[in-house]
Amino acid sequence: MHKLPIPIWHALRDHTPYRGLGADHFTHRDPERAMRRMIKEANSLGMTVRFEPITA
């Protein structure tokens, strides 16, 4: 409940349009946490996940 009023208050106070952070904001902010969350979700579905770095 607290996440929505704060940006609304800033938009009204500063007279600026609302700009959402985007769907992948938290993934970019903390990628390790996002990976842990994906592994936990896959494990709860009975799967195992292995992440390997992409070599270019």
PDB file of N, CA and C in Angstrom:
ATOM      1  N   MET A   1       0.817  -1.199   0.000  1.00  0.00           N
ATOM      2  CA  MET A   1       0.000   0.000   0.000  1.00  0.00           C
ATOM      3  C   MET A   1       0.861   1.264   0.000  1.00  0.00           C
ATOM      4  N   HIS A   2       2.065   1.154   0.488  1.00  0.00           N
ATOM      5  CA  HIS A   2       2.906   2.341   0.607  1.00  0.00           C
ATOM      6  C   HIS A   2       3.584   2.701  -0.714  1.00  0.00           C
ATOM      7  N   LYS A   3       3.705   1.735  -1.639  1.00  0.00           N
ATOM      8  CA  LYS A   3       4.472   1.961  -2.857  1.00  0.00           C
ATOM      9  C   LYS A   3       3.783   2.904  -3.834  1.00  0.00           C
ATOM     10  N   LEU A   4       2.476   2.937  -3.853  1.00  0.00           N
ATOM     11  CA  LEU A   4       1.767   3.773  -4.811  1.00  0.00           C
ATOM     12  C   LEU A   4       1.620   5.233  -4.360  1.00  0.00           C
ATOM     13  N   PRO A   5       1.282   5.518  -3.099  1.00  0.00           N
ATOM     14  CA  PRO A   5       1.121   6.927  -2.712  1.00  0.00           C
ATOM     15  C   PRO A   5       2.395   7.757  -2.809  1.00  0.00           C
ATOM     16  N   ILE A   6       3.551   7.159  -2.594  1.00  0.00           N
ATOM     17  CA  ILE A   6       4.800   7.927  -2.619  1.00  0.00           C
ATOM     18  C   ILE A   6       5.064   8.537  -4.000  1.00  0.00           C
ATOM     19  N   PRO A   7       5.049   7.757  -5.108  1.00  0.00           N
ATOM     20  CA  PRO A   7       5.275   8.399  -6.409  1.00  0.00           C
ATOM     21  C   PRO A   7       4.161   9.369  -6.791  1.00  0.00           C
ATOM     22  N   ILE A   8       2.945   9.095  -6.367  1.00  0.00           N
ATOM     23  CA  ILE A   8       1.850  10.038  -6.642  1.00  0.00           C
ATOM     24  C   ILE A   8       2.121  11.348  -5.934  1.00  0.00           C
ATOM     25  N   TRP A   9       2.550  11.274  -4.680  1.00  0.00           N
ATOM     26  CA  TRP A   9       2.842  12.496  -3.916  1.00  0.00           C
ATOM     27  C   TRP A   9       3.960  13.287  -4.575  1.00  0.00           C
ATOM     28  N   HIS A  10       5.014  12.613  -5.031  1.00  0.00           N
ATOM     29  CA  HIS A  10       6.120  13.309  -5.696  1.00  0.00           C
ATOM     30  C   HIS A  10       5.650  13.955  -7.002  1.00  0.00           C
ATOM     31  N   ALA A  11       4.827  13.256  -7.764  1.00  0.00           N
ATOM     32  CA  ALA A  11       4.337  13.809  -9.032  1.00  0.00           C
ATOM     33  C   ALA A  11       3.478  15.039  -8.783  1.00  0.00           C
ATOM     34  N   LEU A  12       2.635  15.000  -7.762  1.00  0.00           N
ATOM     35  CA  LEU A  12       1.783  16.151  -7.462  1.00  0.00           C
ATOM     36  C   LEU A  12       2.594  17.308  -6.890  1.00  0.00           C
ATOM     37  N   ARG A  13       3.555  17.003  -6.042  1.00  0.00           N
ATOM     38  CA  ARG A  13       4.370  18.048  -5.417  1.00  0.00           C
ATOM     39  C   ARG A  13       5.250  18.751  -6.444  1.00  0.00           C
ATOM     40  N   ASP A  14       5.884  17.973  -7.326  1.00  0.00           N
ATOM     41  CA  ASP A  14       6.844  18.537  -8.279  1.00  0.00           C
ATOM     42  C   ASP A  14       6.207  18.930  -9.606  1.00  0.00           C
ATOM     43  N   HIS A  15       4.898  18.658  -9.758  1.00  0.00           N
ATOM     44  CA  HIS A  15       4.183  18.963 -11.005  1.00  0.00           C
ATOM     45  C   HIS A  15       4.864  18.298 -12.206  1.00  0.00           C
ATOM     46  N   THR A  16       5.204  17.034 -12.042  1.00  0.00           N
ATOM     47  CA  THR A  16       5.833  16.266 -13.107  1.00  0.00           C
ATOM     48  C   THR A  16       4.969  15.042 -13.409  1.00  0.00           C
ATOM     49  N   PRO A  17       5.033  14.535 -14.631  1.00  0.00           N
ATOM     50  CA  PRO A  17       4.260  13.324 -14.942  1.00  0.00           C
ATOM     51  C   PRO A  17       4.870  12.113 -14.235  1.00  0.00           C
ATOM     52  N   TYR A  18       4.036  11.133 -13.961  1.00  0.00           N
ATOM     53  CA  TYR A  18       4.484   9.913 -13.315  1.00  0.00           C
ATOM     54  C   TYR A  18       5.296   9.074 -14.289  1.00  0.00           C
ATOM     55  N   ARG A  19       6.453   8.630 -13.848  1.00  0.00           N
ATOM     56  CA  ARG A  19       7.287   7.723 -14.641  1.00  0.00           C
ATOM     57  C   ARG A  19       7.499   6.460 -13.822  1.00  0.00           C
ATOM     58  N   GLY A  20       6.982   5.356 -14.295  1.00  0.00           N
ATOM     59  CA  GLY A  20       7.164   4.080 -13.614  1.00  0.00           C
ATOM     60  C   GLY A  20       8.610   3.627 -13.716  1.00  0.00           C
ATOM     61  N   LEU A  21       9.026   2.817 -12.782  1.00  0.00           N
ATOM     62  CA  LEU A  21      10.394   2.329 -12.766  1.00  0.00           C
ATOM     63  C   LEU A  21      10.632   1.244 -13.806  1.00  0.00           C
ATOM     64  N   GLY A  22       9.579   0.600 -14.241  1.00  0.00           N
ATOM     65  CA  GLY A  22       9.705  -0.459 -15.232  1.00  0.00           C
ATOM     66  C   GLY A  22       9.587  -1.826 -14.589  1.00  0.00           C
ATOM     67  N   ALA A  23       9.231  -2.783 -15.396  1.00  0.00           N
ATOM     68  CA  ALA A  23       8.989  -4.127 -14.892  1.00  0.00           C
ATOM     69  C   ALA A  23      10.259  -4.805 -14.394  1.00  0.00           C
ATOM     70  N   ASP A  24      11.409  -4.452 -14.930  1.00  0.00           N
ATOM     71  CA  ASP A  24      12.654  -5.113 -14.545  1.00  0.00           C
ATOM     72  C   ASP A  24      13.523  -4.263 -13.618  1.00  0.00           C
ATOM     73  N   HIS A  25      12.942  -3.281 -12.959  1.00  0.00           N
ATOM     74  CA  HIS A  25      13.704  -2.390 -12.081  1.00  0.00           C
ATOM     75  C   HIS A  25      14.436  -3.159 -10.985  1.00  0.00           C
ATOM     76  N   PHE A  26      13.717  -4.040 -10.288  1.00  0.00           N
ATOM     77  CA  PHE A  26      14.331  -4.743  -9.174  1.00  0.00           C
ATOM     78  C   PHE A  26      15.326  -5.795  -9.650  1.00  0.00           C
ATOM     79  N   THR A  27      15.145  -6.330 -10.838  1.00  0.00           N
ATOM     80  CA  THR A  27      16.108  -7.280 -11.389  1.00  0.00           C
ATOM     81  C   THR A  27      17.435  -6.580 -11.663  1.00  0.00           C
ATOM     82  N   HIS A  28      17.381  -5.369 -12.201  1.00  0.00           N
ATOM     83  CA  HIS A  28      18.610  -4.623 -12.463  1.00  0.00           C
ATOM     84  C   HIS A  28      19.234  -4.104 -11.177  1.00  0.00           C
ATOM     85  N   ARG A  29      18.410  -3.786 -10.198  1.00  0.00           N
ATOM     86  CA  ARG A  29      18.911  -3.249  -8.943  1.00  0.00           C
ATOM     87  C   ARG A  29      19.673  -4.293  -8.137  1.00  0.00           C
ATOM     88  N   ASP A  30      19.176  -5.527  -8.121  1.00  0.00           N
ATOM     89  CA  ASP A  30      19.827  -6.593  -7.354  1.00  0.00           C
ATOM     90  C   ASP A  30      19.714  -7.908  -8.125  1.00  0.00           C
ATOM     91  N   PRO A  31      20.589  -8.122  -9.120  1.00  0.00           N
ATOM     92  CA  PRO A  31      20.482  -9.322  -9.956  1.00  0.00           C
ATOM     93  C   PRO A  31      20.694 -10.621  -9.188  1.00  0.00           C
ATOM     94  N   GLU A  32      21.532 -10.617  -8.157  1.00  0.00           N
ATOM     95  CA  GLU A  32      21.750 -11.839  -7.383  1.00  0.00           C
ATOM     96  C   GLU A  32      20.476 -12.259  -6.655  1.00  0.00           C
ATOM     97  N   ARG A  33      19.750 -11.309  -6.128  1.00  0.00           N
ATOM     98  CA  ARG A  33      18.486 -11.612  -5.453  1.00  0.00           C
ATOM     99  C   ARG A  33      17.471 -12.171  -6.446  1.00  0.00           C
ATOM    100  N   ALA A  34      17.443 -11.609  -7.648  1.00  0.00           N
ATOM    101  CA  ALA A  34      16.531 -12.104  -8.681  1.00  0.00           C
ATOM    102  C   ALA A  34      16.873 -13.544  -9.044  1.00  0.00           C
ATOM    103  N   MET A  35      18.166 -13.874  -9.120  1.00  0.00           N
ATOM    104  CA  MET A  35      18.564 -15.246  -9.427  1.00  0.00           C
ATOM    105  C   MET A  35      18.159 -16.191  -8.305  1.00  0.00           C
ATOM    106  N   ARG A  36      18.345 -15.787  -7.046  1.00  0.00           N
ATOM    107  CA  ARG A  36      17.929 -16.623  -5.926  1.00  0.00           C
ATOM    108  C   ARG A  36      16.422 -16.862  -5.957  1.00  0.00           C
ATOM    109  N   ARG A  37      15.665 -15.822  -6.307  1.00  0.00           N
ATOM    110  CA  ARG A  37      14.207 -15.938  -6.379  1.00  0.00           C
ATOM    111  C   ARG A  37      13.803 -16.905  -7.492  1.00  0.00           C
ATOM    112  N   MET A  38      14.477 -16.848  -8.651  1.00  0.00           N
ATOM    113  CA  MET A  38      14.169 -17.759  -9.752  1.00  0.00           C
ATOM    114  C   MET A  38      14.500 -19.200  -9.385  1.00  0.00           C
ATOM    115  N   ILE A  39      15.627 -19.412  -8.716  1.00  0.00           N
ATOM    116  CA  ILE A  39      16.017 -20.758  -8.300  1.00  0.00           C
ATOM    117  C   ILE A  39      15.009 -21.309  -7.301  1.00  0.00           C
ATOM    118  N   LYS A  40      14.603 -20.495  -6.348  1.00  0.00           N
ATOM    119  CA  LYS A  40      13.632 -20.932  -5.349  1.00  0.00           C
ATOM    120  C   LYS A  40      12.305 -21.297  -6.006  1.00  0.00           C
ATOM    121  N   GLU A  41      11.865 -20.494  -6.962  1.00  0.00           N
ATOM    122  CA  GLU A  41      10.608 -20.778  -7.665  1.00  0.00           C
ATOM    123  C   GLU A  41      10.715 -22.063  -8.472  1.00  0.00           C
ATOM    124  N   ALA A  42      11.833 -22.264  -9.172  1.00  0.00           N
ATOM    125  CA  ALA A  42      12.021 -23.488  -9.948  1.00  0.00           C
ATOM    126  C   ALA A  42      12.067 -24.704  -9.033  1.00  0.00           C
ATOM    127  N   ASN A  43      12.753 -24.595  -7.892  1.00  0.00           N
ATOM    128  CA  ASN A  43      12.813 -25.703  -6.937  1.00  0.00           C
ATOM    129  C   ASN A  43      11.434 -26.038  -6.399  1.00  0.00           C
ATOM    130  N   SER A  44      10.606 -25.043  -6.168  1.00  0.00           N
ATOM    131  CA  SER A  44       9.261 -25.309  -5.653  1.00  0.00           C
ATOM    132  C   SER A  44       8.402 -26.024  -6.704  1.00  0.00           C
ATOM    133  N   LEU A  45       8.767 -25.895  -7.979  1.00  0.00           N
ATOM    134  CA  LEU A  45       8.062 -26.599  -9.051  1.00  0.00           C
ATOM    135  C   LEU A  45       8.688 -27.956  -9.357  1.00  0.00           C
ATOM    136  N   GLY A  46       9.714 -28.331  -8.595  1.00  0.00           N
ATOM    137  CA  GLY A  46      10.350 -29.625  -8.772  1.00  0.00           C
ATOM    138  C   GLY A  46      11.433 -29.638  -9.831  1.00  0.00           C
ATOM    139  N   MET A  47      11.978 -28.493 -10.182  1.00  0.00           N
ATOM    140  CA  MET A  47      13.023 -28.403 -11.202  1.00  0.00           C
ATOM    141  C   MET A  47      14.322 -27.923 -10.566  1.00  0.00           C
ATOM    142  N   THR A  48      15.414 -28.190 -11.252  1.00  0.00           N
ATOM    143  CA  THR A  48      16.701 -27.627 -10.850  1.00  0.00           C
ATOM    144  C   THR A  48      17.167 -26.691 -11.951  1.00  0.00           C
ATOM    145  N   VAL A  49      17.891 -25.672 -11.564  1.00  0.00           N
ATOM    146  CA  VAL A  49      18.350 -24.649 -12.509  1.00  0.00           C
ATOM    147  C   VAL A  49      19.848 -24.490 -12.357  1.00  0.00           C
ATOM    148  N   ARG A  50      20.539 -24.353 -13.476  1.00  0.00           N
ATOM    149  CA  ARG A  50      21.965 -24.085 -13.449  1.00  0.00           C
ATOM    150  C   ARG A  50      22.216 -22.857 -14.320  1.00  0.00           C
ATOM    151  N   PHE A  51      22.871 -21.872 -13.746  1.00  0.00           N
ATOM    152  CA  PHE A  51      23.190 -20.651 -14.485  1.00  0.00           C
ATOM    153  C   PHE A  51      24.646 -20.708 -14.901  1.00  0.00           C
ATOM    154  N   GLU A  52      24.899 -20.413 -16.157  1.00  0.00           N
ATOM    155  CA  GLU A  52      26.267 -20.356 -16.662  1.00  0.00           C
ATOM    156  C   GLU A  52      26.459 -19.036 -17.371  1.00  0.00           C
ATOM    157  N   PRO A  53      27.616 -18.425 -17.207  1.00  0.00           N
ATOM    158  CA  PRO A  53      27.867 -17.142 -17.868  1.00  0.00           C
ATOM    159  C   PRO A  53      27.890 -17.316 -19.398  1.00  0.00           C
ATOM    160  N   ILE A  54      27.468 -16.294 -20.095  1.00  0.00           N
ATOM    161  CA  ILE A  54      27.467 -16.302 -21.559  1.00  0.00           C
ATOM    162  C   ILE A  54      28.870 -15.911 -22.018  1.00  0.00           C
ATOM    163  N   THR A  55      29.444 -16.715 -22.898  1.00  0.00           N
ATOM    164  CA  THR A  55      30.753 -16.381 -23.457  1.00  0.00           C
ATOM    165  C   THR A  55      30.541 -15.812 -24.841  1.00  0.00           C
ATOM    166  N   ALA A  56      31.159 -14.686 -25.073  1.00  0.00           N
ATOM    167  CA  ALA A  56      30.979 -14.018 -26.370  1.00  0.00           C
ATOM    168  C   ALA A  56      32.098 -14.320 -27.320  1.00  0.00           C
TER     169      ALA A  56
END
